[in-house]
Amino acid sequence: MRRIWYSYLLSVVASKETLKGILLVVCLAAFASLVYVQAVIDNLLAIELSMLPQHLFSVATSLVTEGKLLECLTAAVVAYVLVTFPWPSLRSRGSLQAA
């Protein structure tokens, strides 16, 4: 019986979703320790919504030109994991019924 539980635990730990979740948590913790998150939120709330793409582009270029590559790398990994993670859709849960 113990071998069954070991194989189940290994299959859960070795799955892509679990590894992406662990990577997301590690990168979020690293990003939070590198960047003062409250200042980021305050800056995002201070700009107009129509200026958000230009602001994000200017922040990204300034990070690269100032040599803060670790912050850029952690933000890129977080964005990659969030985009590629298989989020459950409403259709798969049966919440949206066809009329």
PDB file of N, CA and C in Angstrom:
ATOM      1  N   MET A   1       0.824  -1.194   0.000  1.00  0.00           N
ATOM      2  CA  MET A   1       0.000   0.000   0.000  1.00  0.00           C
ATOM      3  C   MET A   1       0.868   1.258   0.000  1.00  0.00           C
ATOM      4  N   ARG A   2       2.010   1.163   0.648  1.00  0.00           N
ATOM      5  CA  ARG A   2       2.891   2.318   0.726  1.00  0.00           C
ATOM      6  C   ARG A   2       3.425   2.682  -0.660  1.00  0.00           C
ATOM      7  N   ARG A   3       3.694   1.676  -1.508  1.00  0.00           N
ATOM      8  CA  ARG A   3       4.188   1.952  -2.853  1.00  0.00           C
ATOM      9  C   ARG A   3       3.145   2.696  -3.678  1.00  0.00           C
ATOM     10  N   ILE A   4       1.892   2.406  -3.462  1.00  0.00           N
ATOM     11  CA  ILE A   4       0.825   3.098  -4.190  1.00  0.00           C
ATOM     12  C   ILE A   4       0.808   4.571  -3.821  1.00  0.00           C
ATOM     13  N   TRP A   5       0.921   4.849  -2.532  1.00  0.00           N
ATOM     14  CA  TRP A   5       0.930   6.249  -2.098  1.00  0.00           C
ATOM     15  C   TRP A   5       2.176   6.977  -2.577  1.00  0.00           C
ATOM     16  N   TYR A   6       3.320   6.300  -2.585  1.00  0.00           N
ATOM     17  CA  TYR A   6       4.546   6.913  -3.091  1.00  0.00           C
ATOM     18  C   TYR A   6       4.419   7.242  -4.576  1.00  0.00           C
ATOM     19  N   SER A   7       3.879   6.307  -5.340  1.00  0.00           N
ATOM     20  CA  SER A   7       3.736   6.558  -6.777  1.00  0.00           C
ATOM     21  C   SER A   7       2.722   7.669  -7.032  1.00  0.00           C
ATOM     22  N   TYR A   8       1.655   7.718  -6.241  1.00  0.00           N
ATOM     23  CA  TYR A   8       0.681   8.805  -6.379  1.00  0.00           C
ATOM     24  C   TYR A   8       1.315  10.152  -6.032  1.00  0.00           C
ATOM     25  N   LEU A   9       2.067  10.198  -4.949  1.00  0.00           N
ATOM     26  CA  LEU A   9       2.727  11.439  -4.545  1.00  0.00           C
ATOM     27  C   LEU A   9       3.738  11.893  -5.591  1.00  0.00           C
ATOM     28  N   LEU A  10       4.489  10.953  -6.143  1.00  0.00           N
ATOM     29  CA  LEU A  10       5.440  11.306  -7.192  1.00  0.00           C
ATOM     30  C   LEU A  10       4.733  11.804  -8.450  1.00  0.00           C
ATOM     31  N   SER A  11       3.601  11.220  -8.792  1.00  0.00           N
ATOM     32  CA  SER A  11       2.875  11.679  -9.980  1.00  0.00           C
ATOM     33  C   SER A  11       2.298  13.071  -9.774  1.00  0.00           C
ATOM     34  N   VAL A  12       1.878  13.389  -8.549  1.00  0.00           N
ATOM     35  CA  VAL A  12       1.358  14.735  -8.270  1.00  0.00           C
ATOM     36  C   VAL A  12       2.492  15.751  -8.273  1.00  0.00           C
ATOM     37  N   VAL A  13       3.606  15.428  -7.634  1.00  0.00           N
ATOM     38  CA  VAL A  13       4.726  16.353  -7.550  1.00  0.00           C
ATOM     39  C   VAL A  13       5.368  16.560  -8.925  1.00  0.00           C
ATOM     40  N   ALA A  14       5.419  15.533  -9.739  1.00  0.00           N
ATOM     41  CA  ALA A  14       6.082  15.627 -11.033  1.00  0.00           C
ATOM     42  C   ALA A  14       5.186  16.192 -12.135  1.00  0.00           C
ATOM     43  N   SER A  15       3.940  16.499 -11.838  1.00  0.00           N
ATOM     44  CA  SER A  15       3.067  17.034 -12.882  1.00  0.00           C
ATOM     45  C   SER A  15       3.480  18.456 -13.241  1.00  0.00           C
ATOM     46  N   LYS A  16       3.175  18.864 -14.474  1.00  0.00           N
ATOM     47  CA  LYS A  16       3.557  20.191 -14.945  1.00  0.00           C
ATOM     48  C   LYS A  16       2.872  21.288 -14.153  1.00  0.00           C
ATOM     49  N   GLU A  17       1.624  21.079 -13.771  1.00  0.00           N
ATOM     50  CA  GLU A  17       0.899  22.106 -13.036  1.00  0.00           C
ATOM     51  C   GLU A  17       1.495  22.351 -11.666  1.00  0.00           C
ATOM     52  N   THR A  18       1.900  21.289 -10.982  1.00  0.00           N
ATOM     53  CA  THR A  18       2.511  21.445  -9.667  1.00  0.00           C
ATOM     54  C   THR A  18       3.846  22.169  -9.773  1.00  0.00           C
ATOM     55  N   LEU A  19       4.636  21.791 -10.759  1.00  0.00           N
ATOM     56  CA  LEU A  19       5.933  22.443 -10.931  1.00  0.00           C
ATOM     57  C   LEU A  19       5.768  23.911 -11.308  1.00  0.00           C
ATOM     58  N   LYS A  20       4.775  24.220 -12.145  1.00  0.00           N
ATOM     59  CA  LYS A  20       4.521  25.621 -12.491  1.00  0.00           C
ATOM     60  C   LYS A  20       4.018  26.396 -11.283  1.00  0.00           C
ATOM     61  N   GLY A  21       3.223  25.767 -10.448  1.00  0.00           N
ATOM     62  CA  GLY A  21       2.747  26.423  -9.236  1.00  0.00           C
ATOM     63  C   GLY A  21       3.878  26.726  -8.272  1.00  0.00           C
ATOM     64  N   ILE A  22       4.784  25.776  -8.116  1.00  0.00           N
ATOM     65  CA  ILE A  22       5.951  26.003  -7.253  1.00  0.00           C
ATOM     66  C   ILE A  22       6.824  27.109  -7.822  1.00  0.00           C
ATOM     67  N   LEU A  23       7.031  27.093  -9.144  1.00  0.00           N
ATOM     68  CA  LEU A  23       7.816  28.139  -9.794  1.00  0.00           C
ATOM     69  C   LEU A  23       7.160  29.503  -9.625  1.00  0.00           C
ATOM     70  N   LEU A  24       5.838  29.557  -9.719  1.00  0.00           N
ATOM     71  CA  LEU A  24       5.110  30.813  -9.545  1.00  0.00           C
ATOM     72  C   LEU A  24       5.275  31.355  -8.132  1.00  0.00           C
ATOM     73  N   VAL A  25       5.152  30.502  -7.133  1.00  0.00           N
ATOM     74  CA  VAL A  25       5.289  30.939  -5.741  1.00  0.00           C
ATOM     75  C   VAL A  25       6.706  31.437  -5.462  1.00  0.00           C
ATOM     76  N   VAL A  26       7.701  30.714  -5.960  1.00  0.00           N
ATOM     77  CA  VAL A  26       9.092  31.121  -5.748  1.00  0.00           C
ATOM     78  C   VAL A  26       9.370  32.462  -6.417  1.00  0.00           C
ATOM     79  N   CYS A  27       8.911  32.631  -7.649  1.00  0.00           N
ATOM     80  CA  CYS A  27       9.158  33.891  -8.358  1.00  0.00           C
ATOM     81  C   CYS A  27       8.371  35.044  -7.747  1.00  0.00           C
ATOM     82  N   LEU A  28       7.170  34.795  -7.284  1.00  0.00           N
ATOM     83  CA  LEU A  28       6.417  35.861  -6.623  1.00  0.00           C
ATOM     84  C   LEU A  28       7.091  36.284  -5.321  1.00  0.00           C
ATOM     85  N   ALA A  29       7.616  35.320  -4.581  1.00  0.00           N
ATOM     86  CA  ALA A  29       8.330  35.664  -3.345  1.00  0.00           C
ATOM     87  C   ALA A  29       9.600  36.444  -3.650  1.00  0.00           C
ATOM     88  N   ALA A  30      10.324  36.035  -4.696  1.00  0.00           N
ATOM     89  CA  ALA A  30      11.537  36.762  -5.075  1.00  0.00           C
ATOM     90  C   ALA A  30      11.203  38.166  -5.560  1.00  0.00           C
ATOM     91  N   PHE A  31      10.132  38.288  -6.343  1.00  0.00           N
ATOM     92  CA  PHE A  31       9.729  39.600  -6.855  1.00  0.00           C
ATOM     93  C   PHE A  31       9.289  40.508  -5.719  1.00  0.00           C
ATOM     94  N   ALA A  32       8.561  39.952  -4.750  1.00  0.00           N
ATOM     95  CA  ALA A  32       8.118  40.760  -3.613  1.00  0.00           C
ATOM     96  C   ALA A  32       9.282  41.201  -2.745  1.00  0.00           C
ATOM     97  N   SER A  33      10.322  40.390  -2.670  1.00  0.00           N
ATOM     98  CA  SER A  33      11.475  40.806  -1.874  1.00  0.00           C
ATOM     99  C   SER A  33      12.358  41.804  -2.623  1.00  0.00           C
ATOM    100  N   LEU A  34      12.340  41.766  -3.959  1.00  0.00           N
ATOM    101  CA  LEU A  34      13.157  42.686  -4.745  1.00  0.00           C
ATOM    102  C   LEU A  34      12.481  44.038  -4.962  1.00  0.00           C
ATOM    103  N   VAL A  35      11.158  44.038  -5.014  1.00  0.00           N
ATOM    104  CA  VAL A  35      10.415  45.244  -5.365  1.00  0.00           C
ATOM    105  C   VAL A  35       9.463  45.588  -4.229  1.00  0.00           C
ATOM    106  N   TYR A  36       9.353  46.865  -3.926  1.00  0.00           N
ATOM    107  CA  TYR A  36       8.400  47.318  -2.920  1.00  0.00           C
ATOM    108  C   TYR A  36       7.018  47.338  -3.566  1.00  0.00           C
ATOM    109  N   VAL A  37       6.184  46.355  -3.244  1.00  0.00           N
ATOM    110  CA  VAL A  37       4.930  46.124  -3.944  1.00  0.00           C
ATOM    111  C   VAL A  37       3.946  47.264  -3.726  1.00  0.00           C
ATOM    112  N   GLN A  38       3.921  47.861  -2.561  1.00  0.00           N
ATOM    113  CA  GLN A  38       2.990  48.960  -2.300  1.00  0.00           C
ATOM    114  C   GLN A  38       3.281  50.147  -3.214  1.00  0.00           C
ATOM    115  N   ALA A  39       4.556  50.406  -3.499  1.00  0.00           N
ATOM    116  CA  ALA A  39       4.906  51.496  -4.412  1.00  0.00           C
ATOM    117  C   ALA A  39       4.437  51.191  -5.831  1.00  0.00           C
ATOM    118  N   VAL A  40       4.514  49.937  -6.237  1.00  0.00           N
ATOM    119  CA  VAL A  40       4.038  49.552  -7.563  1.00  0.00           C
ATOM    120  C   VAL A  40       2.531  49.767  -7.661  1.00  0.00           C
ATOM    121  N   ILE A  41       1.802  49.370  -6.634  1.00  0.00           N
ATOM    122  CA  ILE A  41       0.345  49.547  -6.631  1.00  0.00           C
ATOM    123  C   ILE A  41      -0.018  51.029  -6.621  1.00  0.00           C
ATOM    124  N   ASP A  42       0.680  51.816  -5.819  1.00  0.00           N
ATOM    125  CA  ASP A  42       0.420  53.255  -5.783  1.00  0.00           C
ATOM    126  C   ASP A  42       0.690  53.902  -7.135  1.00  0.00           C
ATOM    127  N   ASN A  43       1.770  53.502  -7.801  1.00  0.00           N
ATOM    128  CA  ASN A  43       2.076  54.054  -9.119  1.00  0.00           C
ATOM    129  C   ASN A  43       1.043  53.661 -10.163  1.00  0.00           C
ATOM    130  N   LEU A  44       0.571  52.426 -10.099  1.00  0.00           N
ATOM    131  CA  LEU A  44      -0.452  51.996 -11.054  1.00  0.00           C
ATOM    132  C   LEU A  44      -1.774  52.705 -10.822  1.00  0.00           C
ATOM    133  N   LEU A  45      -2.108  52.994  -9.560  1.00  0.00           N
ATOM    134  CA  LEU A  45      -3.354  53.698  -9.274  1.00  0.00           C
ATOM    135  C   LEU A  45      -3.269  55.184  -9.603  1.00  0.00           C
ATOM    136  N   ALA A  46      -2.059  55.727  -9.688  1.00  0.00           N
ATOM    137  CA  ALA A  46      -1.886  57.148  -9.936  1.00  0.00           C
ATOM    138  C   ALA A  46      -2.002  57.520 -11.410  1.00  0.00           C
ATOM    139  N   ILE A  47      -1.827  56.560 -12.308  1.00  0.00           N
ATOM    140  CA  ILE A  47      -1.890  56.899 -13.728  1.00  0.00           C
ATOM    141  C   ILE A  47      -3.272  56.595 -14.282  1.00  0.00           C
ATOM    142  N   GLU A  48      -3.580  57.257 -15.404  1.00  0.00           N
ATOM    143  CA  GLU A  48      -4.864  57.016 -16.060  1.00  0.00           C
ATOM    144  C   GLU A  48      -4.838  55.656 -16.742  1.00  0.00           C
ATOM    145  N   LEU A  49      -6.001  55.079 -16.905  1.00  0.00           N
ATOM    146  CA  LEU A  49      -6.097  53.758 -17.507  1.00  0.00           C
ATOM    147  C   LEU A  49      -5.661  53.775 -18.967  1.00  0.00           C
ATOM    148  N   SER A  50      -5.924  54.873 -19.659  1.00  0.00           N
ATOM    149  CA  SER A  50      -5.533  54.953 -21.067  1.00  0.00           C
ATOM    150  C   SER A  50      -4.014  55.051 -21.236  1.00  0.00           C
ATOM    151  N   MET A  51      -3.319  55.478 -20.208  1.00  0.00           N
ATOM    152  CA  MET A  51      -1.859  55.612 -20.270  1.00  0.00           C
ATOM    153  C   MET A  51      -1.122  54.371 -19.751  1.00  0.00           C
ATOM    154  N   LEU A  52      -1.853  53.328 -19.373  1.00  0.00           N
ATOM    155  CA  LEU A  52      -1.241  52.138 -18.786  1.00  0.00           C
ATOM    156  C   LEU A  52      -0.250  51.442 -19.722  1.00  0.00           C
ATOM    157  N   PRO A  53      -0.577  51.203 -20.995  1.00  0.00           N
ATOM    158  CA  PRO A  53       0.424  50.534 -21.846  1.00  0.00           C
ATOM    159  C   PRO A  53       1.721  51.334 -21.998  1.00  0.00           C
ATOM    160  N   GLN A  54       1.609  52.647 -22.165  1.00  0.00           N
ATOM    161  CA  GLN A  54       2.814  53.464 -22.288  1.00  0.00           C
ATOM    162  C   GLN A  54       3.616  53.454 -20.994  1.00  0.00           C
ATOM    163  N   HIS A  55       2.921  53.482 -19.868  1.00  0.00           N
ATOM    164  CA  HIS A  55       3.598  53.459 -18.573  1.00  0.00           C
ATOM    165  C   HIS A  55       4.335  52.139 -18.371  1.00  0.00           C
ATOM    166  N   LEU A  56       3.667  51.019 -18.677  1.00  0.00           N
ATOM    167  CA  LEU A  56       4.308  49.714 -18.515  1.00  0.00           C
ATOM    168  C   LEU A  56       5.515  49.581 -19.439  1.00  0.00           C
ATOM    169  N   PHE A  57       5.409  50.109 -20.668  1.00  0.00           N
ATOM    170  CA  PHE A  57       6.543  50.057 -21.586  1.00  0.00           C
ATOM    171  C   PHE A  57       7.705  50.904 -21.075  1.00  0.00           C
ATOM    172  N   SER A  58       7.405  52.075 -20.556  1.00  0.00           N
ATOM    173  CA  SER A  58       8.479  52.929 -20.051  1.00  0.00           C
ATOM    174  C   SER A  58       9.130  52.330 -18.808  1.00  0.00           C
ATOM    175  N   VAL A  59       8.343  51.703 -17.952  1.00  0.00           N
ATOM    176  CA  VAL A  59       8.912  51.039 -16.774  1.00  0.00           C
ATOM    177  C   VAL A  59       9.788  49.866 -17.193  1.00  0.00           C
ATOM    178  N   ALA A  60       9.325  49.084 -18.171  1.00  0.00           N
ATOM    179  CA  ALA A  60      10.108  47.930 -18.628  1.00  0.00           C
ATOM    180  C   ALA A  60      11.419  48.378 -19.261  1.00  0.00           C
ATOM    181  N   THR A  61      11.378  49.420 -20.075  1.00  0.00           N
ATOM    182  CA  THR A  61      12.623  49.892 -20.694  1.00  0.00           C
ATOM    183  C   THR A  61      13.568  50.493 -19.668  1.00  0.00           C
ATOM    184  N   SER A  62      13.032  51.180 -18.674  1.00  0.00           N
ATOM    185  CA  SER A  62      13.915  51.744 -17.646  1.00  0.00           C
ATOM    186  C   SER A  62      14.536  50.653 -16.784  1.00  0.00           C
ATOM    187  N   LEU A  63      13.807  49.574 -16.528  1.00  0.00           N
ATOM    188  CA  LEU A  63      14.389  48.459 -15.774  1.00  0.00           C
ATOM    189  C   LEU A  63      15.535  47.822 -16.539  1.00  0.00           C
ATOM    190  N   VAL A  64      15.353  47.654 -17.841  1.00  0.00           N
ATOM    191  CA  VAL A  64      16.401  47.029 -18.646  1.00  0.00           C
ATOM    192  C   VAL A  64      17.614  47.953 -18.757  1.00  0.00           C
ATOM    193  N   THR A  65      17.376  49.256 -18.976  1.00  0.00           N
ATOM    194  CA  THR A  65      18.506  50.176 -19.138  1.00  0.00           C
ATOM    195  C   THR A  65      19.242  50.429 -17.830  1.00  0.00           C
ATOM    196  N   GLU A  66      18.558  50.306 -16.696  1.00  0.00           N
ATOM    197  CA  GLU A  66      19.209  50.517 -15.404  1.00  0.00           C
ATOM    198  C   GLU A  66      19.906  49.263 -14.892  1.00  0.00           C
ATOM    199  N   GLY A  67      19.759  48.143 -15.598  1.00  0.00           N
ATOM    200  CA  GLY A  67      20.460  46.925 -15.224  1.00  0.00           C
ATOM    201  C   GLY A  67      19.779  46.109 -14.145  1.00  0.00           C
ATOM    202  N   LYS A  68      18.500  46.278 -13.959  1.00  0.00           N
ATOM    203  CA  LYS A  68      17.773  45.493 -12.959  1.00  0.00           C
ATOM    204  C   LYS A  68      17.185  44.252 -13.635  1.00  0.00           C
ATOM    205  N   LEU A  69      18.080  43.366 -14.046  1.00  0.00           N
ATOM    206  CA  LEU A  69      17.667  42.213 -14.831  1.00  0.00           C
ATOM    207  C   LEU A  69      16.993  41.140 -13.986  1.00  0.00           C
ATOM    208  N   LEU A  70      17.317  41.050 -12.709  1.00  0.00           N
ATOM    209  CA  LEU A  70      16.684  40.040 -11.861  1.00  0.00           C
ATOM    210  C   LEU A  70      15.201  40.338 -11.684  1.00  0.00           C
ATOM    211  N   GLU A  71      14.857  41.607 -11.518  1.00  0.00           N
ATOM    212  CA  GLU A  71      13.444  41.975 -11.427  1.00  0.00           C
ATOM    213  C   GLU A  71      12.716  41.679 -12.736  1.00  0.00           C
ATOM    214  N   CYS A  72      13.378  41.976 -13.850  1.00  0.00           N
ATOM    215  CA  CYS A  72      12.787  41.699 -15.164  1.00  0.00           C
ATOM    216  C   CYS A  72      12.585  40.196 -15.367  1.00  0.00           C
ATOM    217  N   LEU A  73      13.569  39.420 -14.964  1.00  0.00           N
ATOM    218  CA  LEU A  73      13.481  37.976 -15.138  1.00  0.00           C
ATOM    219  C   LEU A  73      12.363  37.381 -14.297  1.00  0.00           C
ATOM    220  N   THR A  74      12.258  37.788 -13.035  1.00  0.00           N
ATOM    221  CA  THR A  74      11.182  37.239 -12.197  1.00  0.00           C
ATOM    222  C   THR A  74       9.815  37.670 -12.699  1.00  0.00           C
ATOM    223  N   ALA A  75       9.685  38.913 -13.155  1.00  0.00           N
ATOM    224  CA  ALA A  75       8.403  39.364 -13.705  1.00  0.00           C
ATOM    225  C   ALA A  75       8.059  38.604 -14.979  1.00  0.00           C
ATOM    226  N   ALA A  76       9.050  38.327 -15.804  1.00  0.00           N
ATOM    227  CA  ALA A  76       8.800  37.573 -17.037  1.00  0.00           C
ATOM    228  C   ALA A  76       8.396  36.135 -16.742  1.00  0.00           C
ATOM    229  N   VAL A  77       9.032  35.517 -15.757  1.00  0.00           N
ATOM    230  CA  VAL A  77       8.676  34.136 -15.403  1.00  0.00           C
ATOM    231  C   VAL A  77       7.266  34.084 -14.817  1.00  0.00           C
ATOM    232  N   VAL A  78       6.914  35.058 -13.978  1.00  0.00           N
ATOM    233  CA  VAL A  78       5.559  35.109 -13.417  1.00  0.00           C
ATOM    234  C   VAL A  78       4.537  35.275 -14.542  1.00  0.00           C
ATOM    235  N   ALA A  79       4.806  36.169 -15.480  1.00  0.00           N
ATOM    236  CA  ALA A  79       3.887  36.370 -16.601  1.00  0.00           C
ATOM    237  C   ALA A  79       3.770  35.112 -17.454  1.00  0.00           C
ATOM    238  N   TYR A  80       4.886  34.437 -17.709  1.00  0.00           N
ATOM    239  CA  TYR A  80       4.863  33.206 -18.499  1.00  0.00           C
ATOM    240  C   TYR A  80       4.037  32.117 -17.816  1.00  0.00           C
ATOM    241  N   VAL A  81       4.244  31.945 -16.518  1.00  0.00           N
ATOM    242  CA  VAL A  81       3.514  30.898 -15.801  1.00  0.00           C
ATOM    243  C   VAL A  81       2.022  31.209 -15.780  1.00  0.00           C
ATOM    244  N   LEU A  82       1.672  32.468 -15.572  1.00  0.00           N
ATOM    245  CA  LEU A  82       0.258  32.824 -15.543  1.00  0.00           C
ATOM    246  C   LEU A  82      -0.407  32.646 -16.896  1.00  0.00           C
ATOM    247  N   VAL A  83       0.320  32.906 -17.968  1.00  0.00           N
ATOM    248  CA  VAL A  83      -0.262  32.761 -19.300  1.00  0.00           C
ATOM    249  C   VAL A  83      -0.381  31.300 -19.693  1.00  0.00           C
ATOM    250  N   THR A  84       0.593  30.486 -19.345  1.00  0.00           N
ATOM    251  CA  THR A  84       0.588  29.090 -19.791  1.00  0.00           C
ATOM    252  C   THR A  84      -0.096  28.139 -18.824  1.00  0.00           C
ATOM    253  N   PHE A  85      -0.502  28.611 -17.665  1.00  0.00           N
ATOM    254  CA  PHE A  85      -1.151  27.717 -16.699  1.00  0.00           C
ATOM    255  C   PHE A  85      -2.541  27.354 -17.208  1.00  0.00           C
ATOM    256  N   PRO A  86      -2.925  26.081 -17.149  1.00  0.00           N
ATOM    257  CA  PRO A  86      -4.245  25.679 -17.673  1.00  0.00           C
ATOM    258  C   PRO A  86      -5.370  26.032 -16.698  1.00  0.00           C
ATOM    259  N   TRP A  87      -5.826  27.265 -16.765  1.00  0.00           N
ATOM    260  CA  TRP A  87      -6.901  27.706 -15.883  1.00  0.00           C
ATOM    261  C   TRP A  87      -8.203  27.030 -16.286  1.00  0.00           C
ATOM    262  N   PRO A  88      -8.992  26.576 -15.313  1.00  0.00           N
ATOM    263  CA  PRO A  88     -10.271  25.957 -15.673  1.00  0.00           C
ATOM    264  C   PRO A  88     -11.241  27.018 -16.181  1.00  0.00           C
ATOM    265  N   SER A  89     -11.908  26.699 -17.256  1.00  0.00           N
ATOM    266  CA  SER A  89     -12.854  27.655 -17.821  1.00  0.00           C
ATOM    267  C   SER A  89     -14.240  27.419 -17.236  1.00  0.00           C
ATOM    268  N   LEU A  90     -15.117  28.383 -17.443  1.00  0.00           N
ATOM    269  CA  LEU A  90     -16.489  28.243 -16.947  1.00  0.00           C
ATOM    270  C   LEU A  90     -17.237  27.143 -17.697  1.00  0.00           C
ATOM    271  N   ARG A  91     -16.918  26.953 -18.956  1.00  0.00           N
ATOM    272  CA  ARG A  91     -17.583  25.900 -19.732  1.00  0.00           C
ATOM    273  C   ARG A  91     -17.232  24.511 -19.203  1.00  0.00           C
ATOM    274  N   SER A  92     -15.989  24.313 -18.780  1.00  0.00           N
ATOM    275  CA  SER A  92     -15.608  22.993 -18.288  1.00  0.00           C
ATOM    276  C   SER A  92     -16.266  22.670 -16.944  1.00  0.00           C
ATOM    277  N   ARG A  93     -16.659  23.702 -16.214  1.00  0.00           N
ATOM    278  CA  ARG A  93     -17.336  23.483 -14.931  1.00  0.00           C
ATOM    279  C   ARG A  93     -18.841  23.320 -15.095  1.00  0.00           C
ATOM    280  N   GLY A  94     -19.342  23.603 -16.287  1.00  0.00           N
ATOM    281  CA  GLY A  94     -20.772  23.467 -16.511  1.00  0.00           C
ATOM    282  C   GLY A  94     -21.565  24.684 -16.066  1.00  0.00           C
ATOM    283  N   SER A  95     -20.881  25.818 -15.804  1.00  0.00           N
ATOM    284  CA  SER A  95     -21.585  27.013 -15.367  1.00  0.00           C
ATOM    285  C   SER A  95     -22.313  27.695 -16.510  1.00  0.00           C
ATOM    286  N   LEU A  96     -21.777  27.590 -17.704  1.00  0.00           N
ATOM    287  CA  LEU A  96     -22.423  28.200 -18.859  1.00  0.00           C
ATOM    288  C   LEU A  96     -23.169  27.123 -19.622  1.00  0.00           C
ATOM    289  N   GLN A  97     -24.449  27.246 -19.648  1.00  0.00           N
ATOM    290  CA  GLN A  97     -25.273  26.283 -20.365  1.00  0.00           C
ATOM    291  C   GLN A  97     -25.652  26.865 -21.711  1.00  0.00           C
ATOM    292  N   ALA A  98     -25.607  26.048 -22.736  1.00  0.00           N
ATOM    293  CA  ALA A  98     -26.013  26.509 -24.068  1.00  0.00           C
ATOM    294  C   ALA A  98     -27.519  26.717 -24.079  1.00  0.00           C
ATOM    295  N   ALA A  99     -27.919  27.830 -24.663  1.00  0.00           N
ATOM    296  CA  ALA A  99     -29.354  28.172 -24.683  1.00  0.00           C
ATOM    297  C   ALA A  99     -30.100  27.417 -25.747  1.00  0.00           C
TER     298      ALA A  99
END
